PDB file of N, CA and C in Angstrom:
ATOM      1  N   MET A   1      -4.977  38.079   4.538  1.00  0.00           N
ATOM      2  CA  MET A   1      -3.641  37.622   4.202  1.00  0.00           C
ATOM      3  C   MET A   1      -2.650  38.744   4.493  1.00  0.00           C
ATOM      4  N   ALA A   2      -1.502  38.369   4.947  1.00  0.00           N
ATOM      5  CA  ALA A   2      -0.443  39.331   5.239  1.00  0.00           C
ATOM      6  C   ALA A   2       0.103  39.915   3.940  1.00  0.00           C
ATOM      7  N   GLN A   3       0.584  41.130   4.021  1.00  0.00           N
ATOM      8  CA  GLN A   3       1.169  41.783   2.859  1.00  0.00           C
ATOM      9  C   GLN A   3       2.489  41.105   2.512  1.00  0.00           C
ATOM     10  N   ILE A   4       2.701  40.881   1.206  1.00  0.00           N
ATOM     11  CA  ILE A   4       3.961  40.292   0.750  1.00  0.00           C
ATOM     12  C   ILE A   4       4.603  41.235  -0.256  1.00  0.00           C
ATOM     13  N   ARG A   5       5.914  41.205  -0.297  1.00  0.00           N
ATOM     14  CA  ARG A   5       6.669  42.014  -1.257  1.00  0.00           C
ATOM     15  C   ARG A   5       7.239  41.080  -2.314  1.00  0.00           C
ATOM     16  N   LEU A   6       7.006  41.445  -3.556  1.00  0.00           N
ATOM     17  CA  LEU A   6       7.479  40.625  -4.664  1.00  0.00           C
ATOM     18  C   LEU A   6       8.406  41.455  -5.541  1.00  0.00           C
ATOM     19  N   LYS A   7       9.556  40.905  -5.863  1.00  0.00           N
ATOM     20  CA  LYS A   7      10.526  41.611  -6.702  1.00  0.00           C
ATOM     21  C   LYS A   7      10.307  41.197  -8.153  1.00  0.00           C
ATOM     22  N   THR A   8      10.297  42.196  -9.038  1.00  0.00           N
ATOM     23  CA  THR A   8      10.062  41.921 -10.458  1.00  0.00           C
ATOM     24  C   THR A   8      10.870  42.850 -11.363  1.00  0.00           C
ATOM     25  N   ARG A   9      12.053  43.250 -10.921  1.00  0.00           N
ATOM     26  CA  ARG A   9      12.836  44.187 -11.732  1.00  0.00           C
ATOM     27  C   ARG A   9      13.613  43.496 -12.841  1.00  0.00           C
ATOM     28  N   THR A  10      13.957  42.238 -12.654  1.00  0.00           N
ATOM     29  CA  THR A  10      14.716  41.496 -13.661  1.00  0.00           C
ATOM     30  C   THR A  10      14.002  40.179 -13.939  1.00  0.00           C
ATOM     31  N   ALA A  11      14.396  39.541 -15.040  1.00  0.00           N
ATOM     32  CA  ALA A  11      13.801  38.240 -15.378  1.00  0.00           C
ATOM     33  C   ALA A  11      14.069  37.213 -14.277  1.00  0.00           C
ATOM     34  N   ALA A  12      15.244  37.268 -13.689  1.00  0.00           N
ATOM     35  CA  ALA A  12      15.578  36.337 -12.600  1.00  0.00           C
ATOM     36  C   ALA A  12      14.685  36.578 -11.392  1.00  0.00           C
ATOM     37  N   GLU A  13      14.421  37.842 -11.063  1.00  0.00           N
ATOM     38  CA  GLU A  13      13.535  38.143  -9.944  1.00  0.00           C
ATOM     39  C   GLU A  13      12.112  37.682 -10.221  1.00  0.00           C
ATOM     40  N   VAL A  14      11.652  37.850 -11.463  1.00  0.00           N
ATOM     41  CA  VAL A  14      10.313  37.379 -11.835  1.00  0.00           C
ATOM     42  C   VAL A  14      10.241  35.865 -11.662  1.00  0.00           C
ATOM     43  N   ARG A  15      11.272  35.162 -12.094  1.00  0.00           N
ATOM     44  CA  ARG A  15      11.300  33.706 -11.948  1.00  0.00           C
ATOM     45  C   ARG A  15      11.229  33.306 -10.481  1.00  0.00           C
ATOM     46  N   ARG A  16      11.992  33.980  -9.634  1.00  0.00           N
ATOM     47  CA  ARG A  16      11.956  33.688  -8.194  1.00  0.00           C
ATOM     48  C   ARG A  16      10.580  34.009  -7.602  1.00  0.00           C
ATOM     49  N   THR A  17       9.989  35.105  -8.049  1.00  0.00           N
ATOM     50  CA  THR A  17       8.661  35.481  -7.571  1.00  0.00           C
ATOM     51  C   THR A  17       7.627  34.428  -7.955  1.00  0.00           C
ATOM     52  N   LEU A  18       7.683  33.970  -9.202  1.00  0.00           N
ATOM     53  CA  LEU A  18       6.737  32.943  -9.642  1.00  0.00           C
ATOM     54  C   LEU A  18       6.911  31.654  -8.848  1.00  0.00           C
ATOM     55  N   THR A  19       8.138  31.296  -8.562  1.00  0.00           N
ATOM     56  CA  THR A  19       8.404  30.105  -7.750  1.00  0.00           C
ATOM     57  C   THR A  19       7.849  30.289  -6.346  1.00  0.00           C
ATOM     58  N   ARG A  20       8.050  31.472  -5.790  1.00  0.00           N
ATOM     59  CA  ARG A  20       7.549  31.761  -4.440  1.00  0.00           C
ATOM     60  C   ARG A  20       6.026  31.671  -4.400  1.00  0.00           C
ATOM     61  N   VAL A  21       5.363  32.263  -5.397  1.00  0.00           N
ATOM     62  CA  VAL A  21       3.900  32.232  -5.460  1.00  0.00           C
ATOM     63  C   VAL A  21       3.413  30.793  -5.606  1.00  0.00           C
ATOM     64  N   MET A  22       4.055  30.041  -6.460  1.00  0.00           N
ATOM     65  CA  MET A  22       3.689  28.641  -6.666  1.00  0.00           C
ATOM     66  C   MET A  22       3.789  27.859  -5.347  1.00  0.00           C
ATOM     67  N   ASN A  23       4.856  28.076  -4.608  1.00  0.00           N
ATOM     68  CA  ASN A  23       5.031  27.399  -3.325  1.00  0.00           C
ATOM     69  C   ASN A  23       3.982  27.842  -2.309  1.00  0.00           C
ATOM     70  N   MET A  24       3.651  29.129  -2.320  1.00  0.00           N
ATOM     71  CA  MET A  24       2.638  29.622  -1.393  1.00  0.00           C
ATOM     72  C   MET A  24       1.278  28.988  -1.667  1.00  0.00           C
ATOM     73  N   VAL A  25       0.933  28.834  -2.935  1.00  0.00           N
ATOM     74  CA  VAL A  25      -0.332  28.179  -3.283  1.00  0.00           C
ATOM     75  C   VAL A  25      -0.288  26.719  -2.850  1.00  0.00           C
ATOM     76  N   ALA A  26       0.814  26.056  -3.132  1.00  0.00           N
ATOM     77  CA  ALA A  26       0.947  24.637  -2.773  1.00  0.00           C
ATOM     78  C   ALA A  26       0.859  24.420  -1.265  1.00  0.00           C
ATOM     79  N   ASN A  27       1.320  25.399  -0.488  1.00  0.00           N
ATOM     80  CA  ASN A  27       1.301  25.290   0.973  1.00  0.00           C
ATOM     81  C   ASN A  27       0.036  25.872   1.599  1.00  0.00           C
ATOM     82  N   GLY A  28      -0.900  26.299   0.768  1.00  0.00           N
ATOM     83  CA  GLY A  28      -2.150  26.855   1.280  1.00  0.00           C
ATOM     84  C   GLY A  28      -2.026  28.238   1.877  1.00  0.00           C
ATOM     85  N   GLU A  29      -0.946  28.949   1.548  1.00  0.00           N
ATOM     86  CA  GLU A  29      -0.716  30.288   2.074  1.00  0.00           C
ATOM     87  C   GLU A  29      -1.305  31.380   1.186  1.00  0.00           C
ATOM     88  N   MET A  30      -1.727  31.011  -0.035  1.00  0.00           N
ATOM     89  CA  MET A  30      -2.283  31.974  -0.976  1.00  0.00           C
ATOM     90  C   MET A  30      -3.367  31.275  -1.787  1.00  0.00           C
ATOM     91  N   ASP A  31      -4.452  32.016  -2.059  1.00  0.00           N
ATOM     92  CA  ASP A  31      -5.528  31.427  -2.850  1.00  0.00           C
ATOM     93  C   ASP A  31      -5.203  31.519  -4.350  1.00  0.00           C
ATOM     94  N   ASN A  32      -5.871  30.676  -5.120  1.00  0.00           N
ATOM     95  CA  ASN A  32      -5.607  30.596  -6.563  1.00  0.00           C
ATOM     96  C   ASN A  32      -5.895  31.902  -7.290  1.00  0.00           C
ATOM     97  N   LYS A  33      -6.939  32.610  -6.889  1.00  0.00           N
ATOM     98  CA  LYS A  33      -7.297  33.858  -7.572  1.00  0.00           C
ATOM     99  C   LYS A  33      -6.186  34.897  -7.413  1.00  0.00           C
ATOM    100  N   THR A  34      -5.665  35.035  -6.213  1.00  0.00           N
ATOM    101  CA  THR A  34      -4.562  35.968  -5.975  1.00  0.00           C
ATOM    102  C   THR A  34      -3.328  35.545  -6.758  1.00  0.00           C
ATOM    103  N   ALA A  35      -3.040  34.255  -6.735  1.00  0.00           N
ATOM    104  CA  ALA A  35      -1.875  33.737  -7.466  1.00  0.00           C
ATOM    105  C   ALA A  35      -2.006  34.010  -8.957  1.00  0.00           C
ATOM    106  N   ASN A  36      -3.183  33.785  -9.520  1.00  0.00           N
ATOM    107  CA  ASN A  36      -3.386  34.028 -10.952  1.00  0.00           C
ATOM    108  C   ASN A  36      -3.188  35.494 -11.301  1.00  0.00           C
ATOM    109  N   THR A  37      -3.652  36.383 -10.429  1.00  0.00           N
ATOM    110  CA  THR A  37      -3.458  37.820 -10.651  1.00  0.00           C
ATOM    111  C   THR A  37      -1.976  38.167 -10.656  1.00  0.00           C
ATOM    112  N   ILE A  38      -1.241  37.626  -9.708  1.00  0.00           N
ATOM    113  CA  ILE A  38       0.200  37.883  -9.631  1.00  0.00           C
ATOM    114  C   ILE A  38       0.911  37.307 -10.855  1.00  0.00           C
ATOM    115  N   ILE A  39       0.524  36.119 -11.260  1.00  0.00           N
ATOM    116  CA  ILE A  39       1.140  35.485 -12.435  1.00  0.00           C
ATOM    117  C   ILE A  39       0.894  36.318 -13.688  1.00  0.00           C
ATOM    118  N   LEU A  40      -0.318  36.812 -13.859  1.00  0.00           N
ATOM    119  CA  LEU A  40      -0.605  37.673 -15.015  1.00  0.00           C
ATOM    120  C   LEU A  40       0.272  38.926 -14.987  1.00  0.00           C
ATOM    121  N   GLY A  41       0.411  39.523 -13.806  1.00  0.00           N
ATOM    122  CA  GLY A  41       1.273  40.699 -13.676  1.00  0.00           C
ATOM    123  C   GLY A  41       2.726  40.378 -13.986  1.00  0.00           C
ATOM    124  N   CYS A  42       3.192  39.234 -13.491  1.00  0.00           N
ATOM    125  CA  CYS A  42       4.577  38.815 -13.768  1.00  0.00           C
ATOM    126  C   CYS A  42       4.800  38.614 -15.257  1.00  0.00           C
ATOM    127  N   ASN A  43       3.827  38.021 -15.935  1.00  0.00           N
ATOM    128  CA  ASN A  43       3.955  37.816 -17.374  1.00  0.00           C
ATOM    129  C   ASN A  43       4.034  39.146 -18.119  1.00  0.00           C
ATOM    130  N   ALA A  44       3.250  40.132 -17.683  1.00  0.00           N
ATOM    131  CA  ALA A  44       3.299  41.464 -18.306  1.00  0.00           C
ATOM    132  C   ALA A  44       4.655  42.113 -18.061  1.00  0.00           C
ATOM    133  N   VAL A  45       5.155  42.019 -16.839  1.00  0.00           N
ATOM    134  CA  VAL A  45       6.463  42.597 -16.509  1.00  0.00           C
ATOM    135  C   VAL A  45       7.562  41.903 -17.310  1.00  0.00           C
ATOM    136  N   LEU A  46       7.504  40.577 -17.382  1.00  0.00           N
ATOM    137  CA  LEU A  46       8.516  39.823 -18.119  1.00  0.00           C
ATOM    138  C   LEU A  46       8.512  40.203 -19.600  1.00  0.00           C
ATOM    139  N   SER A  47       7.337  40.379 -20.172  1.00  0.00           N
ATOM    140  CA  SER A  47       7.238  40.816 -21.565  1.00  0.00           C
ATOM    141  C   SER A  47       7.868  42.191 -21.746  1.00  0.00           C
ATOM    142  N   SER A  48       7.638  43.077 -20.807  1.00  0.00           N
ATOM    143  CA  SER A  48       8.222  44.413 -20.858  1.00  0.00           C
ATOM    144  C   SER A  48       9.744  44.361 -20.742  1.00  0.00           C
ATOM    145  N   ILE A  49      10.243  43.511 -19.856  1.00  0.00           N
ATOM    146  CA  ILE A  49      11.689  43.345 -19.700  1.00  0.00           C
ATOM    147  C   ILE A  49      12.304  42.860 -21.011  1.00  0.00           C
ATOM    148  N   ARG A  50      11.674  41.889 -21.630  1.00  0.00           N
ATOM    149  CA  ARG A  50      12.181  41.354 -22.910  1.00  0.00           C
ATOM    150  C   ARG A  50      12.189  42.425 -23.984  1.00  0.00           C
ATOM    151  N   THR A  51      11.118  43.221 -24.043  1.00  0.00           N
ATOM    152  CA  THR A  51      11.046  44.299 -25.027  1.00  0.00           C
ATOM    153  C   THR A  51      12.162  45.311 -24.800  1.00  0.00           C
ATOM    154  N   ASP A  52      12.386  45.676 -23.541  1.00  0.00           N
ATOM    155  CA  ASP A  52      13.462  46.621 -23.220  1.00  0.00           C
ATOM    156  C   ASP A  52      14.826  46.058 -23.617  1.00  0.00           C
ATOM    157  N   GLU A  53      15.058  44.774 -23.359  1.00  0.00           N
ATOM    158  CA  GLU A  53      16.333  44.140 -23.713  1.00  0.00           C
ATOM    159  C   GLU A  53      16.517  44.099 -25.224  1.00  0.00           C
ATOM    160  N   GLN A  54      15.446  43.797 -25.956  1.00  0.00           N
ATOM    161  CA  GLN A  54      15.530  43.783 -27.417  1.00  0.00           C
ATOM    162  C   GLN A  54      15.843  45.174 -27.950  1.00  0.00           C
ATOM    163  N   GLN A  55      15.195  46.199 -27.399  1.00  0.00           N
ATOM    164  CA  GLN A  55      15.445  47.564 -27.848  1.00  0.00           C
ATOM    165  C   GLN A  55      16.886  47.976 -27.561  1.00  0.00           C
ATOM    166  N   ARG A  56      17.400  47.576 -26.405  1.00  0.00           N
ATOM    167  CA  ARG A  56      18.791  47.887 -26.062  1.00  0.00           C
ATOM    168  C   ARG A  56      19.744  47.249 -27.070  1.00  0.00           C
ATOM    169  N   LYS A  57      19.475  46.009 -27.449  1.00  0.00           N
ATOM    170  CA  LYS A  57      20.324  45.319 -28.423  1.00  0.00           C
ATOM    171  C   LYS A  57      20.223  45.969 -29.801  1.00  0.00           C
ATOM    172  N   ILE A  58      19.022  46.377 -30.194  1.00  0.00           N
ATOM    173  CA  ILE A  58      18.843  47.060 -31.478  1.00  0.00           C
ATOM    174  C   ILE A  58      19.613  48.368 -31.484  1.00  0.00           C
ATOM    175  N   ASP A  59      19.496  49.123 -30.395  1.00  0.00           N
ATOM    176  CA  ASP A  59      20.226  50.397 -30.305  1.00  0.00           C
ATOM    177  C   ASP A  59      21.733  50.172 -30.383  1.00  0.00           C
ATOM    178  N   GLU A  60      22.211  49.123 -29.729  1.00  0.00           N
ATOM    179  CA  GLU A  60      23.637  48.807 -29.752  1.00  0.00           C
ATOM    180  C   GLU A  60      24.091  48.446 -31.171  1.00  0.00           C
ATOM    181  N   LEU A  61      23.299  47.636 -31.858  1.00  0.00           N
ATOM    182  CA  LEU A  61      23.642  47.256 -33.230  1.00  0.00           C
ATOM    183  C   LEU A  61      23.607  48.464 -34.167  1.00  0.00           C
ATOM    184  N   GLU A  62      22.634  49.352 -33.980  1.00  0.00           N
ATOM    185  CA  GLU A  62      22.579  50.568 -34.800  1.00  0.00           C
ATOM    186  C   GLU A  62      23.818  51.427 -34.558  1.00  0.00           C
ATOM    187  N   GLY A  63      24.254  51.487 -33.326  1.00  0.00           N
ATOM    188  CA  GLY A  63      25.479  52.239 -33.006  1.00  0.00           C
ATOM    189  C   GLY A  63      26.689  51.652 -33.712  1.00  0.00           C
ATOM    190  N   ILE A  64      26.787  50.328 -33.721  1.00  0.00           N
ATOM    191  CA  ILE A  64      27.888  49.662 -34.398  1.00  0.00           C
ATOM    192  C   ILE A  64      27.846  49.929 -35.890  1.00  0.00           C
ATOM    193  N   LEU A  65      26.636  49.826 -36.490  1.00  0.00           N
ATOM    194  CA  LEU A  65      26.502  50.090 -37.919  1.00  0.00           C
ATOM    195  C   LEU A  65      26.849  51.533 -38.265  1.00  0.00           C
ATOM    196  N   ASN A  66      26.433  52.451 -37.433  1.00  0.00           N
ATOM    197  CA  ASN A  66      26.753  53.866 -37.687  1.00  0.00           C
ATOM    198  C   ASN A  66      28.245  54.123 -37.571  1.00  0.00           C
ATOM    199  N   ALA A  67      28.908  53.423 -36.669  1.00  0.00           N
ATOM    200  CA  ALA A  67      30.355  53.581 -36.522  1.00  0.00           C
ATOM    201  C   ALA A  67      31.098  53.024 -37.730  1.00  0.00           C
ATOM    202  N   ILE A  68      30.566  51.970 -38.320  1.00  0.00           N
ATOM    203  CA  ILE A  68      31.190  51.359 -39.505  1.00  0.00           C
ATOM    204  C   ILE A  68      31.047  52.276 -40.708  1.00  0.00           C
ATOM    205  N   ARG A  69      29.943  52.958 -40.827  1.00  0.00           N
ATOM    206  CA  ARG A  69      29.677  53.841 -41.977  1.00  0.00           C
ATOM    207  C   ARG A  69      30.557  55.025 -41.862  1.00  0.00           C
TER     208      ARG A  69
END
């Protein structure tokens, strides 16, 4: 199989990547095992993105609370 580049820096990119992988499997361009591996990786990246976003919001709220005090 040819090398493919997948973007996963943002939640939107992960969504596009998952759609691309899904289409590749449907078109017979990628086998299920490879697709499942990529999907697992995307889920891990997406979880990390969510955690980072939550931490950013917590830090922002702590800053606001400290400014009020």
